[in-house]
Each structure stands twice: as structure tokens, then as C-alpha cells.
Amino acid sequence: MKANQLKQYHIPATLEQDLGDPNNPETVMSFAKVIAIDESEIFPEAEINWLYQWGLQEYYIPREYG
């Protein structure tokens, strides 16, 4: 596997690790929390803020593409 392919998988693996176990209701976006948010139809402000604090927006478009 090439180095850039390894880098490609490092980011989602890190995000998954930082999110924690989705079966644990105490994690940032557990299955239970996501279902409750969906059913309430309320914008998930705290969860979106967590993703932005994590830096997810830095990966929308790879830097090499501007």
C-alpha cells in the first residue's frame, strides 16, 4: 500500500477512535444520541460543534486541490 493511501485511512480511523464506542451512550455521537437527535428533529448543535473542534472541515476538500 502506498504512503498516500495509508494517510487516506489515517484520518477516518482517528475520527472513529475519537468519537468512541457508538454503543456507549456516553460517547459524543452514540447510536442512542443520534437516534434521539433524529427523532427530535432539533439541529445537533453540540455534536456539529464537536466535529468542527475536531477539525473535520479541514478534510472536506484535500489541500492539494486548493
PDB file of N, CA and C in Angstrom:
ATOM      1  N   MET A   1       0.845  -1.176   0.000  1.00  0.00           N
ATOM      2  CA  MET A   1       0.000   0.000   0.000  1.00  0.00           C
ATOM      3  C   MET A   1       0.888   1.235   0.000  1.00  0.00           C
ATOM      4  N   LYS A   2       0.554   2.218  -0.811  1.00  0.00           N
ATOM      5  CA  LYS A   2       1.352   3.434  -0.924  1.00  0.00           C
ATOM      6  C   LYS A   2       1.144   4.328   0.297  1.00  0.00           C
ATOM      7  N   ALA A   3       2.111   5.202   0.547  1.00  0.00           N
ATOM      8  CA  ALA A   3       2.061   6.090   1.714  1.00  0.00           C
ATOM      9  C   ALA A   3       0.832   6.987   1.702  1.00  0.00           C
ATOM     10  N   ASN A   4       0.461   7.521   0.521  1.00  0.00           N
ATOM     11  CA  ASN A   4      -0.714   8.394   0.472  1.00  0.00           C
ATOM     12  C   ASN A   4      -2.006   7.629   0.734  1.00  0.00           C
ATOM     13  N   GLN A   5      -2.030   6.340   0.408  1.00  0.00           N
ATOM     14  CA  GLN A   5      -3.210   5.530   0.720  1.00  0.00           C
ATOM     15  C   GLN A   5      -3.305   5.305   2.224  1.00  0.00           C
ATOM     16  N   LEU A   6      -2.165   5.094   2.883  1.00  0.00           N
ATOM     17  CA  LEU A   6      -2.177   4.935   4.335  1.00  0.00           C
ATOM     18  C   LEU A   6      -2.662   6.204   5.002  1.00  0.00           C
ATOM     19  N   LYS A   7      -2.199   7.365   4.509  1.00  0.00           N
ATOM     20  CA  LYS A   7      -2.631   8.658   5.047  1.00  0.00           C
ATOM     21  C   LYS A   7      -4.140   8.826   4.867  1.00  0.00           C
ATOM     22  N   GLN A   8      -4.634   8.360   3.731  1.00  0.00           N
ATOM     23  CA  GLN A   8      -6.058   8.461   3.430  1.00  0.00           C
ATOM     24  C   GLN A   8      -6.898   7.781   4.514  1.00  0.00           C
ATOM     25  N   TYR A   9      -6.437   6.665   5.026  1.00  0.00           N
ATOM     26  CA  TYR A   9      -7.211   5.918   6.018  1.00  0.00           C
ATOM     27  C   TYR A   9      -6.916   6.367   7.445  1.00  0.00           C
ATOM     28  N   HIS A  10      -5.842   7.099   7.646  1.00  0.00           N
ATOM     29  CA  HIS A  10      -5.482   7.556   8.989  1.00  0.00           C
ATOM     30  C   HIS A  10      -6.525   8.534   9.543  1.00  0.00           C
ATOM     31  N   ILE A  11      -6.997   9.444   8.719  1.00  0.00           N
ATOM     32  CA  ILE A  11      -7.937  10.466   9.186  1.00  0.00           C
ATOM     33  C   ILE A  11      -9.260   9.848   9.636  1.00  0.00           C
ATOM     34  N   PRO A  12      -9.937   9.029   8.821  1.00  0.00           N
ATOM     35  CA  PRO A  12     -11.185   8.439   9.305  1.00  0.00           C
ATOM     36  C   PRO A  12     -10.975   7.517  10.502  1.00  0.00           C
ATOM     37  N   ALA A  13      -9.856   6.826  10.553  1.00  0.00           N
ATOM     38  CA  ALA A  13      -9.583   5.951  11.695  1.00  0.00           C
ATOM     39  C   ALA A  13      -9.413   6.773  12.967  1.00  0.00           C
ATOM     40  N   THR A  14      -8.748   7.913  12.862  1.00  0.00           N
ATOM     41  CA  THR A  14      -8.573   8.790  14.021  1.00  0.00           C
ATOM     42  C   THR A  14      -9.908   9.364  14.471  1.00  0.00           C
ATOM     43  N   LEU A  15     -10.729   9.799  13.522  1.00  0.00           N
ATOM     44  CA  LEU A  15     -12.054  10.322  13.873  1.00  0.00           C
ATOM     45  C   LEU A  15     -12.883   9.249  14.565  1.00  0.00           C
ATOM     46  N   GLU A  16     -12.877   8.055  14.025  1.00  0.00           N
ATOM     47  CA  GLU A  16     -13.641   6.962  14.633  1.00  0.00           C
ATOM     48  C   GLU A  16     -13.170   6.688  16.058  1.00  0.00           C
ATOM     49  N   GLN A  17     -11.866   6.695  16.257  1.00  0.00           N
ATOM     50  CA  GLN A  17     -11.319   6.474  17.597  1.00  0.00           C
ATOM     51  C   GLN A  17     -11.734   7.597  18.546  1.00  0.00           C
ATOM     52  N   ASP A  18     -11.676   8.846  18.092  1.00  0.00           N
ATOM     53  CA  ASP A  18     -12.024   9.983  18.942  1.00  0.00           C
ATOM     54  C   ASP A  18     -13.519  10.034  19.260  1.00  0.00           C
ATOM     55  N   LEU A  19     -14.334   9.556  18.347  1.00  0.00           N
ATOM     56  CA  LEU A  19     -15.774   9.508  18.616  1.00  0.00           C
ATOM     57  C   LEU A  19     -16.101   8.484  19.697  1.00  0.00           C
ATOM     58  N   GLY A  20     -15.313   7.454  19.785  1.00  0.00           N
ATOM     59  CA  GLY A  20     -15.542   6.434  20.802  1.00  0.00           C
ATOM     60  C   GLY A  20     -16.522   5.372  20.360  1.00  0.00           C
ATOM     61  N   ASP A  21     -16.826   4.483  21.280  1.00  0.00           N
ATOM     62  CA  ASP A  21     -17.709   3.350  21.014  1.00  0.00           C
ATOM     63  C   ASP A  21     -19.142   3.836  20.805  1.00  0.00           C
ATOM     64  N   PRO A  22     -19.719   3.619  19.627  1.00  0.00           N
ATOM     65  CA  PRO A  22     -21.082   4.082  19.378  1.00  0.00           C
ATOM     66  C   PRO A  22     -22.133   3.350  20.220  1.00  0.00           C
ATOM     67  N   ASN A  23     -21.772   2.224  20.804  1.00  0.00           N
ATOM     68  CA  ASN A  23     -22.707   1.506  21.676  1.00  0.00           C
ATOM     69  C   ASN A  23     -22.723   2.059  23.094  1.00  0.00           C
ATOM     70  N   ASN A  24     -21.745   2.897  23.427  1.00  0.00           N
ATOM     71  CA  ASN A  24     -21.687   3.520  24.757  1.00  0.00           C
ATOM     72  C   ASN A  24     -22.500   4.807  24.719  1.00  0.00           C
ATOM     73  N   PRO A  25     -23.591   4.894  25.455  1.00  0.00           N
ATOM     74  CA  PRO A  25     -24.451   6.080  25.388  1.00  0.00           C
ATOM     75  C   PRO A  25     -23.782   7.367  25.861  1.00  0.00           C
ATOM     76  N   GLU A  26     -22.608   7.263  26.483  1.00  0.00           N
ATOM     77  CA  GLU A  26     -21.898   8.446  26.972  1.00  0.00           C
ATOM     78  C   GLU A  26     -20.981   9.077  25.923  1.00  0.00           C
ATOM     79  N   THR A  27     -20.751   8.413  24.798  1.00  0.00           N
ATOM     80  CA  THR A  27     -19.855   8.967  23.788  1.00  0.00           C
ATOM     81  C   THR A  27     -20.517  10.107  23.032  1.00  0.00           C
ATOM     82  N   VAL A  28     -19.701  10.854  22.319  1.00  0.00           N
ATOM     83  CA  VAL A  28     -20.147  12.066  21.638  1.00  0.00           C
ATOM     84  C   VAL A  28     -21.346  11.826  20.730  1.00  0.00           C
ATOM     85  N   MET A  29     -21.255  10.823  19.896  1.00  0.00           N
ATOM     86  CA  MET A  29     -22.342  10.532  18.961  1.00  0.00           C
ATOM     87  C   MET A  29     -22.699   9.056  19.004  1.00  0.00           C
ATOM     88  N   SER A  30     -23.121   8.626  20.155  1.00  0.00           N
ATOM     89  CA  SER A  30     -23.534   7.231  20.296  1.00  0.00           C
ATOM     90  C   SER A  30     -24.776   6.983  19.447  1.00  0.00           C
ATOM     91  N   PHE A  31     -25.043   5.722  19.194  1.00  0.00           N
ATOM     92  CA  PHE A  31     -26.251   5.375  18.449  1.00  0.00           C
ATOM     93  C   PHE A  31     -27.487   5.950  19.135  1.00  0.00           C
ATOM     94  N   ALA A  32     -27.536   5.846  20.454  1.00  0.00           N
ATOM     95  CA  ALA A  32     -28.699   6.339  21.203  1.00  0.00           C
ATOM     96  C   ALA A  32     -28.860   7.849  21.032  1.00  0.00           C
ATOM     97  N   LYS A  33     -27.762   8.599  21.109  1.00  0.00           N
ATOM     98  CA  LYS A  33     -27.840  10.059  20.959  1.00  0.00           C
ATOM     99  C   LYS A  33     -28.251  10.448  19.549  1.00  0.00           C
ATOM    100  N   VAL A  34     -27.692   9.767  18.567  1.00  0.00           N
ATOM    101  CA  VAL A  34     -28.013  10.096  17.179  1.00  0.00           C
ATOM    102  C   VAL A  34     -29.490   9.820  16.887  1.00  0.00           C
ATOM    103  N   ILE A  35     -29.997   8.727  17.385  1.00  0.00           N
ATOM    104  CA  ILE A  35     -31.423   8.415  17.193  1.00  0.00           C
ATOM    105  C   ILE A  35     -32.295   9.451  17.887  1.00  0.00           C
ATOM    106  N   ALA A  36     -31.940   9.822  19.112  1.00  0.00           N
ATOM    107  CA  ALA A  36     -32.718  10.827  19.842  1.00  0.00           C
ATOM    108  C   ALA A  36     -32.704  12.168  19.110  1.00  0.00           C
ATOM    109  N   ILE A  37     -31.552  12.560  18.587  1.00  0.00           N
ATOM    110  CA  ILE A  37     -31.454  13.815  17.827  1.00  0.00           C
ATOM    111  C   ILE A  37     -32.330  13.738  16.584  1.00  0.00           C
ATOM    112  N   ASP A  38     -32.249  12.637  15.867  1.00  0.00           N
ATOM    113  CA  ASP A  38     -33.035  12.474  14.647  1.00  0.00           C
ATOM    114  C   ASP A  38     -34.525  12.541  14.938  1.00  0.00           C
ATOM    115  N   GLU A  39     -34.945  11.864  15.978  1.00  0.00           N
ATOM    116  CA  GLU A  39     -36.370  11.841  16.317  1.00  0.00           C
ATOM    117  C   GLU A  39     -36.864  13.190  16.827  1.00  0.00           C
ATOM    118  N   SER A  40     -36.001  13.960  17.461  1.00  0.00           N
ATOM    119  CA  SER A  40     -36.417  15.262  17.991  1.00  0.00           C
ATOM    120  C   SER A  40     -36.488  16.317  16.898  1.00  0.00           C
ATOM    121  N   GLU A  41     -35.811  16.063  15.769  1.00  0.00           N
ATOM    122  CA  GLU A  41     -35.750  16.994  14.646  1.00  0.00           C
ATOM    123  C   GLU A  41     -35.161  18.344  15.051  1.00  0.00           C
ATOM    124  N   ILE A  42     -34.304  18.340  16.061  1.00  0.00           N
ATOM    125  CA  ILE A  42     -33.604  19.536  16.515  1.00  0.00           C
ATOM    126  C   ILE A  42     -32.201  19.500  15.938  1.00  0.00           C
ATOM    127  N   PHE A  43     -31.713  20.656  15.488  1.00  0.00           N
ATOM    128  CA  PHE A  43     -30.369  20.720  14.923  1.00  0.00           C
ATOM    129  C   PHE A  43     -29.347  20.291  15.970  1.00  0.00           C
ATOM    130  N   PRO A  44     -28.443  19.376  15.624  1.00  0.00           N
ATOM    131  CA  PRO A  44     -27.477  18.845  16.596  1.00  0.00           C
ATOM    132  C   PRO A  44     -26.283  19.788  16.812  1.00  0.00           C
ATOM    133  N   GLU A  45     -26.546  20.947  17.383  1.00  0.00           N
ATOM    134  CA  GLU A  45     -25.523  21.987  17.517  1.00  0.00           C
ATOM    135  C   GLU A  45     -24.286  21.524  18.284  1.00  0.00           C
ATOM    136  N   ALA A  46     -24.469  20.872  19.416  1.00  0.00           N
ATOM    137  CA  ALA A  46     -23.321  20.430  20.222  1.00  0.00           C
ATOM    138  C   ALA A  46     -22.480  19.414  19.454  1.00  0.00           C
ATOM    139  N   GLU A  47     -23.120  18.514  18.757  1.00  0.00           N
ATOM    140  CA  GLU A  47     -22.402  17.487  18.014  1.00  0.00           C
ATOM    141  C   GLU A  47     -21.665  18.086  16.817  1.00  0.00           C
ATOM    142  N   ILE A  48     -22.293  19.020  16.120  1.00  0.00           N
ATOM    143  CA  ILE A  48     -21.647  19.692  14.996  1.00  0.00           C
ATOM    144  C   ILE A  48     -20.459  20.507  15.497  1.00  0.00           C
ATOM    145  N   ASN A  49     -20.633  21.201  16.623  1.00  0.00           N
ATOM    146  CA  ASN A  49     -19.516  21.957  17.200  1.00  0.00           C
ATOM    147  C   ASN A  49     -18.360  21.034  17.560  1.00  0.00           C
ATOM    148  N   TRP A  50     -18.665  19.845  18.079  1.00  0.00           N
ATOM    149  CA  TRP A  50     -17.610  18.882  18.400  1.00  0.00           C
ATOM    150  C   TRP A  50     -16.834  18.521  17.137  1.00  0.00           C
ATOM    151  N   LEU A  51     -17.557  18.254  16.041  1.00  0.00           N
ATOM    152  CA  LEU A  51     -16.901  17.903  14.782  1.00  0.00           C
ATOM    153  C   LEU A  51     -16.018  19.042  14.272  1.00  0.00           C
ATOM    154  N   TYR A  52     -16.490  20.288  14.404  1.00  0.00           N
ATOM    155  CA  TYR A  52     -15.673  21.423  13.977  1.00  0.00           C
ATOM    156  C   TYR A  52     -14.471  21.615  14.894  1.00  0.00           C
ATOM    157  N   GLN A  53     -14.638  21.411  16.195  1.00  0.00           N
ATOM    158  CA  GLN A  53     -13.499  21.483  17.114  1.00  0.00           C
ATOM    159  C   GLN A  53     -12.482  20.391  16.782  1.00  0.00           C
ATOM    160  N   TRP A  54     -12.948  19.253  16.360  1.00  0.00           N
ATOM    161  CA  TRP A  54     -12.067  18.156  15.961  1.00  0.00           C
ATOM    162  C   TRP A  54     -11.290  18.519  14.699  1.00  0.00           C
ATOM    163  N   GLY A  55     -11.903  19.358  13.849  1.00  0.00           N
ATOM    164  CA  GLY A  55     -11.245  19.795  12.623  1.00  0.00           C
ATOM    165  C   GLY A  55     -11.739  19.109  11.371  1.00  0.00           C
ATOM    166  N   LEU A  56     -12.911  18.510  11.418  1.00  0.00           N
ATOM    167  CA  LEU A  56     -13.433  17.777  10.267  1.00  0.00           C
ATOM    168  C   LEU A  56     -13.493  18.639   9.003  1.00  0.00           C
ATOM    169  N   GLN A  57     -13.809  19.909   9.151  1.00  0.00           N
ATOM    170  CA  GLN A  57     -13.932  20.796   7.992  1.00  0.00           C
ATOM    171  C   GLN A  57     -12.623  20.929   7.217  1.00  0.00           C
ATOM    172  N   GLU A  58     -11.516  20.613   7.853  1.00  0.00           N
ATOM    173  CA  GLU A  58     -10.215  20.673   7.173  1.00  0.00           C
ATOM    174  C   GLU A  58     -10.060  19.562   6.126  1.00  0.00           C
ATOM    175  N   TYR A  59     -10.953  18.595   6.135  1.00  0.00           N
ATOM    176  CA  TYR A  59     -10.825  17.445   5.250  1.00  0.00           C
ATOM    177  C   TYR A  59     -11.919  17.374   4.188  1.00  0.00           C
ATOM    178  N   TYR A  60     -12.753  18.405   4.074  1.00  0.00           N
ATOM    179  CA  TYR A  60     -13.805  18.383   3.061  1.00  0.00           C
ATOM    180  C   TYR A  60     -13.200  18.290   1.658  1.00  0.00           C
ATOM    181  N   ILE A  61     -12.205  19.135   1.406  1.00  0.00           N
ATOM    182  CA  ILE A  61     -11.514  19.145   0.121  1.00  0.00           C
ATOM    183  C   ILE A  61     -10.030  19.007   0.441  1.00  0.00           C
ATOM    184  N   PRO A  62      -9.373  18.019  -0.109  1.00  0.00           N
ATOM    185  CA  PRO A  62      -7.940  17.844   0.173  1.00  0.00           C
ATOM    186  C   PRO A  62      -7.150  19.116  -0.162  1.00  0.00           C
ATOM    187  N   ARG A  63      -6.168  19.434   0.658  1.00  0.00           N
ATOM    188  CA  ARG A  63      -5.361  20.650   0.472  1.00  0.00           C
ATOM    189  C   ARG A  63      -4.718  20.709  -0.897  1.00  0.00           C
ATOM    190  N   GLU A  64      -4.327  19.577  -1.435  1.00  0.00           N
ATOM    191  CA  GLU A  64      -3.676  19.594  -2.740  1.00  0.00           C
ATOM    192  C   GLU A  64      -4.610  20.049  -3.862  1.00  0.00           C
ATOM    193  N   TYR A  65      -5.923  20.124  -3.563  1.00  0.00           N
ATOM    194  CA  TYR A  65      -6.889  20.605  -4.549  1.00  0.00           C
ATOM    195  C   TYR A  65      -7.347  22.034  -4.257  1.00  0.00           C
ATOM    196  N   GLY A  66      -6.685  22.692  -3.327  1.00  0.00           N
ATOM    197  CA  GLY A  66      -6.951  24.094  -3.054  1.00  0.00           C
ATOM    198  C   GLY A  66      -7.917  24.313  -1.954  1.00  0.00           C
TER     199      GLY A  66
END
